[in-house]
Amino acid sequence: AKYIVAEVDNKIVGYGGFWVVVDEGHITNIAVHPEYRSKGIGS
């Protein structure tokens, strides 16, 4: 498992992760806090 977070002003506002399966990455989840959506954080 490989996971990252997106942080703004020391607050976590989003995250995402994937599982490494041989040479493929299976994205398990991506989410952005509702107050921070449509601000480019998902990108």
Full PDB file with SEQRES, HELIX, SHEET, SSBOND, CRYST1, ORIGX, SCALE, CONECT and MASTER records, all heavy atoms in Angstrom:
SEQRES   1 A   43  ALA LYS TYR ILE VAL ALA GLU VAL ASP ASN LYS ILE VAL          
SEQRES   2 A   43  GLY TYR GLY GLY PHE TRP VAL VAL VAL ASP GLU GLY HIS          
SEQRES   3 A   43  ILE THR ASN ILE ALA VAL HIS PRO GLU TYR ARG SER LYS          
SEQRES   4 A   43  GLY ILE GLY SER                                              
HELIX    1 AA1 PRO A   34  TYR A   36  5                                   3    
SHEET    1 AA1 3 LYS A   2  VAL A   8  0                                        
SHEET    2 AA1 3 LYS A  11  VAL A  21 -1                                        
SHEET    3 AA1 3 GLU A  24  VAL A  32 -1                                        
CRYST1    1.000    1.000    1.000  90.00  90.00  90.00 P 1           1          
ORIGX1      1.000000  0.000000  0.000000        0.00000                         
ORIGX2      0.000000  1.000000  0.000000        0.00000                         
ORIGX3      0.000000  0.000000  1.000000        0.00000                         
SCALE1      1.000000  0.000000  0.000000        0.00000                         
SCALE2      0.000000  1.000000  0.000000        0.00000                         
SCALE3      0.000000  0.000000  1.000000        0.00000                         
ATOM      1  N   ALA A   1       0.834  -1.209   0.000  1.00  0.00           N  
ATOM      2  CA  ALA A   1       0.000   0.000   0.000  1.00  0.00           C  
ATOM      3  C   ALA A   1       0.865   1.255   0.000  1.00  0.00           C  
ATOM      4  O   ALA A   1       1.836   1.355   0.746  1.00  0.00           O  
ATOM      5  CB  ALA A   1      -0.915   0.003   1.220  1.00  0.00           C  
ATOM      6  N   LYS A   2       0.474   2.209  -0.850  1.00  0.00           N  
ATOM      7  CA  LYS A   2       1.144   3.504  -0.946  1.00  0.00           C  
ATOM      8  C   LYS A   2       0.068   4.583  -0.845  1.00  0.00           C  
ATOM      9  O   LYS A   2      -0.829   4.639  -1.686  1.00  0.00           O  
ATOM     10  CB  LYS A   2       1.887   3.651  -2.285  1.00  0.00           C  
ATOM     11  CG  LYS A   2       2.832   2.517  -2.617  1.00  0.00           C  
ATOM     12  CD  LYS A   2       4.032   2.502  -1.708  1.00  0.00           C  
ATOM     13  CE  LYS A   2       4.965   1.356  -2.078  1.00  0.00           C  
ATOM     14  NZ  LYS A   2       5.987   1.149  -1.086  1.00  0.00           N  
ATOM     15  N   TYR A   3       0.164   5.431   0.191  1.00  0.00           N  
ATOM     16  CA  TYR A   3      -0.849   6.469   0.414  1.00  0.00           C  
ATOM     17  C   TYR A   3      -0.202   7.836   0.569  1.00  0.00           C  
ATOM     18  O   TYR A   3       0.888   7.962   1.137  1.00  0.00           O  
ATOM     19  CB  TYR A   3      -1.676   6.153   1.669  1.00  0.00           C  
ATOM     20  CG  TYR A   3      -2.711   5.094   1.400  1.00  0.00           C  
ATOM     21  CD1 TYR A   3      -2.367   3.754   1.420  1.00  0.00           C  
ATOM     22  CD2 TYR A   3      -4.016   5.438   1.085  1.00  0.00           C  
ATOM     23  CE1 TYR A   3      -3.309   2.771   1.144  1.00  0.00           C  
ATOM     24  CE2 TYR A   3      -4.961   4.462   0.807  1.00  0.00           C  
ATOM     25  CZ  TYR A   3      -4.601   3.137   0.842  1.00  0.00           C  
ATOM     26  OH  TYR A   3      -5.525   2.174   0.554  1.00  0.00           O  
ATOM     27  N   ILE A   4      -0.906   8.845   0.079  1.00  0.00           N  
ATOM     28  CA  ILE A   4      -0.466  10.227   0.210  1.00  0.00           C  
ATOM     29  C   ILE A   4      -1.613  11.070   0.751  1.00  0.00           C  
ATOM     30  O   ILE A   4      -2.779  10.667   0.676  1.00  0.00           O  
ATOM     31  CB  ILE A   4       0.021  10.804  -1.144  1.00  0.00           C  
ATOM     32  CG1 ILE A   4      -1.102  10.754  -2.196  1.00  0.00           C  
ATOM     33  CG2 ILE A   4       1.278  10.091  -1.617  1.00  0.00           C  
ATOM     34  CD1 ILE A   4      -0.739  11.421  -3.526  1.00  0.00           C  
ATOM     35  N   VAL A   5      -1.252  12.228   1.281  1.00  0.00           N  
ATOM     36  CA  VAL A   5      -2.258  13.200   1.710  1.00  0.00           C  
ATOM     37  C   VAL A   5      -1.958  14.535   1.043  1.00  0.00           C  
ATOM     38  O   VAL A   5      -0.825  14.814   0.655  1.00  0.00           O  
ATOM     39  CB  VAL A   5      -2.301  13.380   3.249  1.00  0.00           C  
ATOM     40  CG1 VAL A   5      -2.761  12.106   3.936  1.00  0.00           C  
ATOM     41  CG2 VAL A   5      -0.976  13.867   3.799  1.00  0.00           C  
ATOM     42  N   ALA A   6      -3.010  15.335   0.926  1.00  0.00           N  
ATOM     43  CA  ALA A   6      -2.890  16.722   0.474  1.00  0.00           C  
ATOM     44  C   ALA A   6      -3.141  17.585   1.700  1.00  0.00           C  
ATOM     45  O   ALA A   6      -4.140  17.407   2.408  1.00  0.00           O  
ATOM     46  CB  ALA A   6      -3.912  17.025  -0.612  1.00  0.00           C  
ATOM     47  N   GLU A   7      -2.215  18.511   1.925  1.00  0.00           N  
ATOM     48  CA  GLU A   7      -2.272  19.339   3.118  1.00  0.00           C  
ATOM     49  C   GLU A   7      -2.297  20.816   2.731  1.00  0.00           C  
ATOM     50  O   GLU A   7      -1.558  21.241   1.845  1.00  0.00           O  
ATOM     51  CB  GLU A   7      -1.007  19.033   3.932  1.00  0.00           C  
ATOM     52  CG  GLU A   7      -1.063  19.337   5.377  1.00  0.00           C  
ATOM     53  CD  GLU A   7       0.204  18.846   6.082  1.00  0.00           C  
ATOM     54  OE1 GLU A   7       1.315  19.282   5.721  1.00  0.00           O  
ATOM     55  OE2 GLU A   7       0.062  18.023   6.990  1.00  0.00           O  
ATOM     56  N   VAL A   8      -3.182  21.573   3.381  1.00  0.00           N  
ATOM     57  CA  VAL A   8      -3.248  23.025   3.209  1.00  0.00           C  
ATOM     58  C   VAL A   8      -3.239  23.642   4.601  1.00  0.00           C  
ATOM     59  O   VAL A   8      -4.082  23.295   5.444  1.00  0.00           O  
ATOM     60  CB  VAL A   8      -4.534  23.446   2.445  1.00  0.00           C  
ATOM     61  CG1 VAL A   8      -4.682  24.957   2.418  1.00  0.00           C  
ATOM     62  CG2 VAL A   8      -4.548  22.876   1.039  1.00  0.00           C  
ATOM     63  N   ASP A   9      -2.285  24.522   4.853  1.00  0.00           N  
ATOM     64  CA  ASP A   9      -2.184  25.180   6.162  1.00  0.00           C  
ATOM     65  C   ASP A   9      -2.194  24.174   7.317  1.00  0.00           C  
ATOM     66  O   ASP A   9      -2.933  24.330   8.285  1.00  0.00           O  
ATOM     67  CB  ASP A   9      -3.297  26.212   6.347  1.00  0.00           C  
ATOM     68  CG  ASP A   9      -3.212  27.335   5.331  1.00  0.00           C  
ATOM     69  OD1 ASP A   9      -2.074  27.688   4.938  1.00  0.00           O  
ATOM     70  OD2 ASP A   9      -4.277  27.854   4.932  1.00  0.00           O  
ATOM     71  N   ASN A  10      -1.408  23.101   7.168  1.00  0.00           N  
ATOM     72  CA  ASN A  10      -1.275  22.044   8.187  1.00  0.00           C  
ATOM     73  C   ASN A  10      -2.564  21.273   8.445  1.00  0.00           C  
ATOM     74  O   ASN A  10      -2.703  20.626   9.476  1.00  0.00           O  
ATOM     75  CB  ASN A  10      -0.733  22.609   9.512  1.00  0.00           C  
ATOM     76  CG  ASN A  10       0.668  23.141   9.359  1.00  0.00           C  
ATOM     77  OD1 ASN A  10       1.520  22.491   8.764  1.00  0.00           O  
ATOM     78  ND2 ASN A  10       0.905  24.336   9.863  1.00  0.00           N  
ATOM     79  N   LYS A  11      -3.505  21.336   7.518  1.00  0.00           N  
ATOM     80  CA  LYS A  11      -4.754  20.569   7.620  1.00  0.00           C  
ATOM     81  C   LYS A  11      -4.826  19.623   6.435  1.00  0.00           C  
ATOM     82  O   LYS A  11      -4.598  20.032   5.287  1.00  0.00           O  
ATOM     83  CB  LYS A  11      -5.958  21.518   7.604  1.00  0.00           C  
ATOM     84  CG  LYS A  11      -7.277  20.788   7.599  1.00  0.00           C  
ATOM     85  CD  LYS A  11      -8.448  21.744   7.479  1.00  0.00           C  
ATOM     86  CE  LYS A  11      -9.696  20.928   7.233  1.00  0.00           C  
ATOM     87  NZ  LYS A  11     -10.821  21.312   7.991  1.00  0.00           N  
ATOM     88  N   ILE A  12      -5.143  18.363   6.710  1.00  0.00           N  
ATOM     89  CA  ILE A  12      -5.301  17.395   5.631  1.00  0.00           C  
ATOM     90  C   ILE A  12      -6.645  17.649   4.967  1.00  0.00           C  
ATOM     91  O   ILE A  12      -7.688  17.656   5.621  1.00  0.00           O  
ATOM     92  CB  ILE A  12      -5.180  15.959   6.155  1.00  0.00           C  
ATOM     93  CG1 ILE A  12      -3.758  15.737   6.644  1.00  0.00           C  
ATOM     94  CG2 ILE A  12      -5.541  14.943   5.063  1.00  0.00           C  
ATOM     95  CD1 ILE A  12      -3.520  14.451   7.357  1.00  0.00           C  
ATOM     96  N   VAL A  13      -6.600  17.873   3.653  1.00  0.00           N  
ATOM     97  CA  VAL A  13      -7.809  18.212   2.908  1.00  0.00           C  
ATOM     98  C   VAL A  13      -8.139  17.159   1.850  1.00  0.00           C  
ATOM     99  O   VAL A  13      -9.176  17.252   1.193  1.00  0.00           O  
ATOM    100  CB  VAL A  13      -7.697  19.610   2.265  1.00  0.00           C  
ATOM    101  CG1 VAL A  13      -7.535  20.672   3.352  1.00  0.00           C  
ATOM    102  CG2 VAL A  13      -6.554  19.675   1.269  1.00  0.00           C  
ATOM    103  N   GLY A  14      -7.278  16.173   1.696  1.00  0.00           N  
ATOM    104  CA  GLY A  14      -7.541  15.107   0.739  1.00  0.00           C  
ATOM    105  C   GLY A  14      -6.501  14.017   0.873  1.00  0.00           C  
ATOM    106  O   GLY A  14      -5.480  14.180   1.552  1.00  0.00           O  
ATOM    107  N   TYR A  15      -6.770  12.892   0.235  1.00  0.00           N  
ATOM    108  CA  TYR A  15      -5.838  11.767   0.294  1.00  0.00           C  
ATOM    109  C   TYR A  15      -6.113  10.831  -0.878  1.00  0.00           C  
ATOM    110  O   TYR A  15      -7.144  10.915  -1.554  1.00  0.00           O  
ATOM    111  CB  TYR A  15      -5.974  10.999   1.617  1.00  0.00           C  
ATOM    112  CG  TYR A  15      -7.313  10.329   1.746  1.00  0.00           C  
ATOM    113  CD1 TYR A  15      -7.495   9.014   1.342  1.00  0.00           C  
ATOM    114  CD2 TYR A  15      -8.406  11.030   2.229  1.00  0.00           C  
ATOM    115  CE1 TYR A  15      -8.745   8.421   1.426  1.00  0.00           C  
ATOM    116  CE2 TYR A  15      -9.646  10.451   2.315  1.00  0.00           C  
ATOM    117  CZ  TYR A  15      -9.806   9.137   1.910  1.00  0.00           C  
ATOM    118  OH  TYR A  15     -11.044   8.560   1.973  1.00  0.00           O  
ATOM    119  N   GLY A  16      -5.183   9.954  -1.104  1.00  0.00           N  
ATOM    120  CA  GLY A  16      -5.344   8.932  -2.126  1.00  0.00           C  
ATOM    121  C   GLY A  16      -4.339   7.826  -1.893  1.00  0.00           C  
ATOM    122  O   GLY A  16      -3.334   8.016  -1.198  1.00  0.00           O  
ATOM    123  N   GLY A  17      -4.627   6.683  -2.475  1.00  0.00           N  
ATOM    124  CA  GLY A  17      -3.703   5.571  -2.308  1.00  0.00           C  
ATOM    125  C   GLY A  17      -3.880   4.510  -3.367  1.00  0.00           C  
ATOM    126  O   GLY A  17      -4.869   4.495  -4.101  1.00  0.00           O  
ATOM    127  N   PHE A  18      -2.883   3.655  -3.450  1.00  0.00           N  
ATOM    128  CA  PHE A  18      -2.962   2.512  -4.363  1.00  0.00           C  
ATOM    129  C   PHE A  18      -2.203   1.337  -3.784  1.00  0.00           C  
ATOM    130  O   PHE A  18      -1.384   1.485  -2.877  1.00  0.00           O  
ATOM    131  CB  PHE A  18      -2.440   2.874  -5.765  1.00  0.00           C  
ATOM    132  CG  PHE A  18      -0.988   3.233  -5.852  1.00  0.00           C  
ATOM    133  CD1 PHE A  18      -0.011   2.268  -6.046  1.00  0.00           C  
ATOM    134  CD2 PHE A  18      -0.581   4.559  -5.761  1.00  0.00           C  
ATOM    135  CE1 PHE A  18       1.330   2.611  -6.138  1.00  0.00           C  
ATOM    136  CE2 PHE A  18       0.751   4.917  -5.859  1.00  0.00           C  
ATOM    137  CZ  PHE A  18       1.723   3.927  -6.045  1.00  0.00           C  
ATOM    138  N   TRP A  19      -2.522   0.171  -4.315  1.00  0.00           N  
ATOM    139  CA  TRP A  19      -1.809  -1.058  -3.983  1.00  0.00           C  
ATOM    140  C   TRP A  19      -0.902  -1.403  -5.153  1.00  0.00           C  
ATOM    141  O   TRP A  19      -1.315  -1.335  -6.315  1.00  0.00           O  
ATOM    142  CB  TRP A  19      -2.760  -2.214  -3.753  1.00  0.00           C  
ATOM    143  CG  TRP A  19      -3.620  -2.073  -2.525  1.00  0.00           C  
ATOM    144  CD1 TRP A  19      -3.313  -1.412  -1.373  1.00  0.00           C  
ATOM    145  CD2 TRP A  19      -4.923  -2.612  -2.344  1.00  0.00           C  
ATOM    146  NE1 TRP A  19      -4.346  -1.502  -0.484  1.00  0.00           N  
ATOM    147  CE2 TRP A  19      -5.351  -2.247  -1.052  1.00  0.00           C  
ATOM    148  CE3 TRP A  19      -5.772  -3.379  -3.131  1.00  0.00           C  
ATOM    149  CZ2 TRP A  19      -6.585  -2.621  -0.542  1.00  0.00           C  
ATOM    150  CZ3 TRP A  19      -6.998  -3.747  -2.616  1.00  0.00           C  
ATOM    151  CH2 TRP A  19      -7.396  -3.369  -1.337  1.00  0.00           C  
ATOM    152  N   VAL A  20       0.317  -1.785  -4.858  1.00  0.00           N  
ATOM    153  CA  VAL A  20       1.248  -2.259  -5.867  1.00  0.00           C  
ATOM    154  C   VAL A  20       0.989  -3.749  -6.070  1.00  0.00           C  
ATOM    155  O   VAL A  20       1.098  -4.534  -5.128  1.00  0.00           O  
ATOM    156  CB  VAL A  20       2.714  -2.026  -5.441  1.00  0.00           C  
ATOM    157  CG1 VAL A  20       3.672  -2.598  -6.476  1.00  0.00           C  
ATOM    158  CG2 VAL A  20       2.977  -0.548  -5.204  1.00  0.00           C  
ATOM    159  N   VAL A  21       0.617  -4.114  -7.300  1.00  0.00           N  
ATOM    160  CA  VAL A  21       0.402  -5.517  -7.654  1.00  0.00           C  
ATOM    161  C   VAL A  21       1.321  -5.803  -8.838  1.00  0.00           C  
ATOM    162  O   VAL A  21       1.010  -5.437  -9.970  1.00  0.00           O  
ATOM    163  CB  VAL A  21      -1.079  -5.791  -8.010  1.00  0.00           C  
ATOM    164  CG1 VAL A  21      -1.283  -7.264  -8.321  1.00  0.00           C  
ATOM    165  CG2 VAL A  21      -2.004  -5.336  -6.891  1.00  0.00           C  
ATOM    166  N   VAL A  22       2.473  -6.400  -8.545  1.00  0.00           N  
ATOM    167  CA  VAL A  22       3.556  -6.644  -9.500  1.00  0.00           C  
ATOM    168  C   VAL A  22       3.983  -5.306 -10.103  1.00  0.00           C  
ATOM    169  O   VAL A  22       4.585  -4.506  -9.416  1.00  0.00           O  
ATOM    170  CB  VAL A  22       3.161  -7.706 -10.554  1.00  0.00           C  
ATOM    171  CG1 VAL A  22       4.372  -8.091 -11.412  1.00  0.00           C  
ATOM    172  CG2 VAL A  22       2.586  -8.961  -9.894  1.00  0.00           C  
ATOM    173  N   ASP A  23       3.627  -5.022 -11.362  1.00  0.00           N  
ATOM    174  CA  ASP A  23       4.013  -3.741 -11.972  1.00  0.00           C  
ATOM    175  C   ASP A  23       2.802  -2.854 -12.245  1.00  0.00           C  
ATOM    176  O   ASP A  23       2.860  -1.933 -13.036  1.00  0.00           O  
ATOM    177  CB  ASP A  23       4.815  -3.969 -13.252  1.00  0.00           C  
ATOM    178  CG  ASP A  23       4.032  -4.698 -14.325  1.00  0.00           C  
ATOM    179  OD1 ASP A  23       2.945  -5.241 -14.016  1.00  0.00           O  
ATOM    180  OD2 ASP A  23       4.491  -4.735 -15.476  1.00  0.00           O  
ATOM    181  N   GLU A  24       1.693  -3.138 -11.565  1.00  0.00           N  
ATOM    182  CA  GLU A  24       0.479  -2.336 -11.720  1.00  0.00           C  
ATOM    183  C   GLU A  24       0.128  -1.663 -10.396  1.00  0.00           C  
ATOM    184  O   GLU A  24       0.436  -2.178  -9.324  1.00  0.00           O  
ATOM    185  CB  GLU A  24      -0.701  -3.212 -12.151  1.00  0.00           C  
ATOM    186  CG  GLU A  24      -0.524  -3.819 -13.516  1.00  0.00           C  
ATOM    187  CD  GLU A  24      -1.644  -4.774 -13.896  1.00  0.00           C  
ATOM    188  OE1 GLU A  24      -2.521  -5.064 -13.066  1.00  0.00           O  
ATOM    189  OE2 GLU A  24      -1.610  -5.237 -15.041  1.00  0.00           O  
ATOM    190  N   GLY A  25      -0.517  -0.508 -10.500  1.00  0.00           N  
ATOM    191  CA  GLY A  25      -1.019   0.187  -9.326  1.00  0.00           C  
ATOM    192  C   GLY A  25      -2.539   0.189  -9.358  1.00  0.00           C  
ATOM    193  O   GLY A  25      -3.140   0.653 -10.319  1.00  0.00           O  
ATOM    194  N   HIS A  26      -3.152  -0.380  -8.324  1.00  0.00           N  
ATOM    195  CA  HIS A  26      -4.617  -0.387  -8.225  1.00  0.00           C  
ATOM    196  C   HIS A  26      -5.017   0.707  -7.243  1.00  0.00           C  
ATOM    197  O   HIS A  26      -4.807   0.573  -6.036  1.00  0.00           O  
ATOM    198  CB  HIS A  26      -5.118  -1.751  -7.744  1.00  0.00           C  
ATOM    199  CG  HIS A  26      -6.607  -1.827  -7.694  1.00  0.00           C  
ATOM    200  ND1 HIS A  26      -7.348  -2.557  -8.566  1.00  0.00           N  
ATOM    201  CD2 HIS A  26      -7.490  -1.205  -6.887  1.00  0.00           C  
ATOM    202  CE1 HIS A  26      -8.634  -2.404  -8.285  1.00  0.00           C  
ATOM    203  NE2 HIS A  26      -8.740  -1.580  -7.264  1.00  0.00           N  
ATOM    204  N   ILE A  27      -5.573   1.800  -7.762  1.00  0.00           N  
ATOM    205  CA  ILE A  27      -5.987   2.915  -6.908  1.00  0.00           C  
ATOM    206  C   ILE A  27      -7.167   2.455  -6.054  1.00  0.00           C  
ATOM    207  O   ILE A  27      -8.181   1.990  -6.565  1.00  0.00           O  
ATOM    208  CB  ILE A  27      -6.325   4.161  -7.745  1.00  0.00           C  
ATOM    209  CG1 ILE A  27      -5.056   4.673  -8.454  1.00  0.00           C  
ATOM    210  CG2 ILE A  27      -6.938   5.250  -6.859  1.00  0.00           C  
ATOM    211  CD1 ILE A  27      -5.271   5.851  -9.374  1.00  0.00           C  
ATOM    212  N   THR A  28      -6.996   2.579  -4.747  1.00  0.00           N  
ATOM    213  CA  THR A  28      -8.017   2.118  -3.808  1.00  0.00           C  
ATOM    214  C   THR A  28      -9.019   3.204  -3.474  1.00  0.00           C  
ATOM    215  O   THR A  28     -10.207   2.945  -3.361  1.00  0.00           O  
ATOM    216  CB  THR A  28      -7.361   1.625  -2.504  1.00  0.00           C  
ATOM    217  OG1 THR A  28      -6.525   2.669  -1.990  1.00  0.00           O  
ATOM    218  CG2 THR A  28      -6.532   0.377  -2.753  1.00  0.00           C  
ATOM    219  N   ASN A  29      -8.517   4.424  -3.260  1.00  0.00           N  
ATOM    220  CA  ASN A  29      -9.420   5.524  -2.934  1.00  0.00           C  
ATOM    221  C   ASN A  29      -8.735   6.873  -3.124  1.00  0.00           C  
ATOM    222  O   ASN A  29      -7.524   6.995  -2.999  1.00  0.00           O  
ATOM    223  CB  ASN A  29      -9.987   5.409  -1.511  1.00  0.00           C  
ATOM    224  CG  ASN A  29      -8.973   4.971  -0.491  1.00  0.00           C  
ATOM    225  OD1 ASN A  29      -7.778   5.074  -0.679  1.00  0.00           O  
ATOM    226  ND2 ASN A  29      -9.454   4.468   0.621  1.00  0.00           N  
ATOM    227  N   ILE A  30      -9.565   7.825  -3.456  1.00  0.00           N  
ATOM    228  CA  ILE A  30      -9.160   9.226  -3.573  1.00  0.00           C  
ATOM    229  C   ILE A  30     -10.339  10.036  -3.044  1.00  0.00           C  
ATOM    230  O   ILE A  30     -11.485   9.775  -3.422  1.00  0.00           O  
ATOM    231  CB  ILE A  30      -8.894   9.633  -5.036  1.00  0.00           C  
ATOM    232  CG1 ILE A  30      -7.712   8.865  -5.604  1.00  0.00           C  
ATOM    233  CG2 ILE A  30      -8.664  11.137  -5.139  1.00  0.00           C  
ATOM    234  CD1 ILE A  30      -7.489   9.115  -7.080  1.00  0.00           C  
ATOM    235  N   ALA A  31     -10.052  10.989  -2.182  1.00  0.00           N  
ATOM    236  CA  ALA A  31     -11.136  11.833  -1.672  1.00  0.00           C  
ATOM    237  C   ALA A  31     -10.582  13.204  -1.288  1.00  0.00           C  
ATOM    238  O   ALA A  31      -9.441  13.323  -0.857  1.00  0.00           O  
ATOM    239  CB  ALA A  31     -11.820  11.188  -0.470  1.00  0.00           C  
ATOM    240  N   VAL A  32     -11.434  14.195  -1.442  1.00  0.00           N  
ATOM    241  CA  VAL A  32     -11.120  15.568  -1.054  1.00  0.00           C  
ATOM    242  C   VAL A  32     -12.235  16.045  -0.128  1.00  0.00           C  
ATOM    243  O   VAL A  32     -13.419  15.793  -0.383  1.00  0.00           O  
ATOM    244  CB  VAL A  32     -11.007  16.483  -2.301  1.00  0.00           C  
ATOM    245  CG1 VAL A  32     -10.798  17.931  -1.890  1.00  0.00           C  
ATOM    246  CG2 VAL A  32      -9.880  16.015  -3.210  1.00  0.00           C  
ATOM    247  N   HIS A  33     -11.850  16.720   0.945  1.00  0.00           N  
ATOM    248  CA  HIS A  33     -12.831  17.266   1.879  1.00  0.00           C  
ATOM    249  C   HIS A  33     -13.820  18.143   1.104  1.00  0.00           C  
ATOM    250  O   HIS A  33     -13.408  18.937   0.252  1.00  0.00           O  
ATOM    251  CB  HIS A  33     -12.113  18.094   2.949  1.00  0.00           C  
ATOM    252  CG  HIS A  33     -12.983  18.462   4.097  1.00  0.00           C  
ATOM    253  ND1 HIS A  33     -13.981  19.408   4.005  1.00  0.00           N  
ATOM    254  CD2 HIS A  33     -13.026  17.994   5.367  1.00  0.00           C  
ATOM    255  CE1 HIS A  33     -14.591  19.513   5.166  1.00  0.00           C  
ATOM    256  NE2 HIS A  33     -14.033  18.669   6.007  1.00  0.00           N  
ATOM    257  N   PRO A  34     -15.121  18.029   1.385  1.00  0.00           N  
ATOM    258  CA  PRO A  34     -16.122  18.802   0.635  1.00  0.00           C  
ATOM    259  C   PRO A  34     -15.843  20.304   0.574  1.00  0.00           C  
ATOM    260  O   PRO A  34     -16.113  20.944  -0.446  1.00  0.00           O  
ATOM    261  CB  PRO A  34     -17.429  18.521   1.384  1.00  0.00           C  
ATOM    262  CG  PRO A  34     -17.227  17.188   2.023  1.00  0.00           C  
ATOM    263  CD  PRO A  34     -15.752  17.125   2.359  1.00  0.00           C  
ATOM    264  N   GLU A  35     -15.279  20.890   1.626  1.00  0.00           N  
ATOM    265  CA  GLU A  35     -14.993  22.327   1.635  1.00  0.00           C  
ATOM    266  C   GLU A  35     -13.851  22.714   0.700  1.00  0.00           C  
ATOM    267  O   GLU A  35     -13.661  23.892   0.411  1.00  0.00           O  
ATOM    268  CB  GLU A  35     -14.664  22.782   3.059  1.00  0.00           C  
ATOM    269  CG  GLU A  35     -15.837  22.702   4.009  1.00  0.00           C  
ATOM    270  CD  GLU A  35     -15.443  23.038   5.451  1.00  0.00           C  
ATOM    271  OE1 GLU A  35     -14.336  23.579   5.676  1.00  0.00           O  
ATOM    272  OE2 GLU A  35     -16.262  22.749   6.343  1.00  0.00           O  
ATOM    273  N   TYR A  36     -13.093  21.723   0.225  1.00  0.00           N  
ATOM    274  CA  TYR A  36     -11.926  22.000  -0.616  1.00  0.00           C  
ATOM    275  C   TYR A  36     -12.070  21.455  -2.038  1.00  0.00           C  
ATOM    276  O   TYR A  36     -11.115  21.476  -2.800  1.00  0.00           O  
ATOM    277  CB  TYR A  36     -10.661  21.442   0.044  1.00  0.00           C  
ATOM    278  CG  TYR A  36     -10.263  22.212   1.271  1.00  0.00           C  
ATOM    279  CD1 TYR A  36     -10.828  21.923   2.511  1.00  0.00           C  
ATOM    280  CD2 TYR A  36      -9.350  23.252   1.190  1.00  0.00           C  
ATOM    281  CE1 TYR A  36     -10.475  22.645   3.643  1.00  0.00           C  
ATOM    282  CE2 TYR A  36      -8.987  23.979   2.309  1.00  0.00           C  
ATOM    283  CZ  TYR A  36      -9.555  23.673   3.531  1.00  0.00           C  
ATOM    284  OH  TYR A  36      -9.206  24.391   4.649  1.00  0.00           O  
ATOM    285  N   ARG A  37     -13.251  20.969  -2.381  1.00  0.00           N  
ATOM    286  CA  ARG A  37     -13.462  20.439  -3.726  1.00  0.00           C  
ATOM    287  C   ARG A  37     -13.508  21.567  -4.751  1.00  0.00           C  
ATOM    288  O   ARG A  37     -13.771  22.721  -4.422  1.00  0.00           O  
ATOM    289  CB  ARG A  37     -14.742  19.610  -3.766  1.00  0.00           C  
ATOM    290  CG  ARG A  37     -14.588  18.331  -2.970  1.00  0.00           C  
ATOM    291  CD  ARG A  37     -15.787  17.446  -2.998  1.00  0.00           C  
ATOM    292  NE  ARG A  37     -15.567  16.321  -2.081  1.00  0.00           N  
ATOM    293  CZ  ARG A  37     -16.526  15.623  -1.532  1.00  0.00           C  
ATOM    294  NH1 ARG A  37     -17.791  15.883  -1.818  1.00  0.00           N  
ATOM    295  NH2 ARG A  37     -16.229  14.633  -0.706  1.00  0.00           N  
ATOM    296  N   SER A  38     -13.230  21.221  -5.994  1.00  0.00           N  
ATOM    297  CA  SER A  38     -13.221  22.162  -7.123  1.00  0.00           C  
ATOM    298  C   SER A  38     -12.150  23.246  -6.967  1.00  0.00           C  
ATOM    299  O   SER A  38     -12.317  24.361  -7.443  1.00  0.00           O  
ATOM    300  CB  SER A  38     -14.604  22.807  -7.311  1.00  0.00           C  
ATOM    301  OG  SER A  38     -15.566  21.810  -7.558  1.00  0.00           O  
ATOM    302  N   LYS A  39     -11.056  22.896  -6.300  1.00  0.00           N  
ATOM    303  CA  LYS A  39      -9.943  23.832  -6.120  1.00  0.00           C  
ATOM    304  C   LYS A  39      -8.635  23.244  -6.658  1.00  0.00           C  
ATOM    305  O   LYS A  39      -7.558  23.748  -6.355  1.00  0.00           O  
ATOM    306  CB  LYS A  39      -9.791  24.187  -4.639  1.00  0.00           C  
ATOM    307  CG  LYS A  39     -11.000  24.889  -4.047  1.00  0.00           C  
ATOM    308  CD  LYS A  39     -10.795  25.208  -2.581  1.00  0.00           C  
ATOM    309  CE  LYS A  39     -12.013  25.772  -1.897  1.00  0.00           C  
ATOM    310  NZ  LYS A  39     -12.619  26.919  -2.487  1.00  0.00           N  
ATOM    311  N   GLY A  40      -8.722  22.154  -7.419  1.00  0.00           N  
ATOM    312  CA  GLY A  40      -7.531  21.553  -8.007  1.00  0.00           C  
ATOM    313  C   GLY A  40      -6.815  20.551  -7.119  1.00  0.00           C  
ATOM    314  O   GLY A  40      -5.765  20.031  -7.495  1.00  0.00           O  
ATOM    315  N   ILE A  41      -7.366  20.265  -5.948  1.00  0.00           N  
ATOM    316  CA  ILE A  41      -6.691  19.347  -5.026  1.00  0.00           C  
ATOM    317  C   ILE A  41      -6.762  17.911  -5.531  1.00  0.00           C  
ATOM    318  O   ILE A  41      -5.785  17.167  -5.421  1.00  0.00           O  
ATOM    319  CB  ILE A  41      -7.254  19.501  -3.605  1.00  0.00           C  
ATOM    320  CG1 ILE A  41      -6.858  20.892  -3.092  1.00  0.00           C  
ATOM    321  CG2 ILE A  41      -6.745  18.398  -2.684  1.00  0.00           C  
ATOM    322  CD1 ILE A  41      -7.519  21.335  -1.841  1.00  0.00           C  
ATOM    323  N   GLY A  42      -7.880  17.526  -6.134  1.00  0.00           N  
ATOM    324  CA  GLY A  42      -7.972  16.182  -6.724  1.00  0.00           C  
ATOM    325  C   GLY A  42      -6.902  15.983  -7.787  1.00  0.00           C  
ATOM    326  O   GLY A  42      -6.290  14.909  -7.875  1.00  0.00           O  
ATOM    327  N   SER A  43      -6.644  17.011  -8.565  1.00  0.00           N  
ATOM    328  CA  SER A  43      -5.587  16.942  -9.584  1.00  0.00           C  
ATOM    329  C   SER A  43      -4.220  16.767  -8.941  1.00  0.00           C  
ATOM    330  O   SER A  43      -3.398  15.973  -9.407  1.00  0.00           O  
ATOM    331  CB  SER A  43      -5.588  18.202 -10.451  1.00  0.00           C  
ATOM    332  OG  SER A  43      -6.755  18.240 -11.251  1.00  0.00           O  
TER     333      SER A  43                                                      
MASTER        0    0    0    1    3    0    0    6  332    1    0    4          
END                                                                             
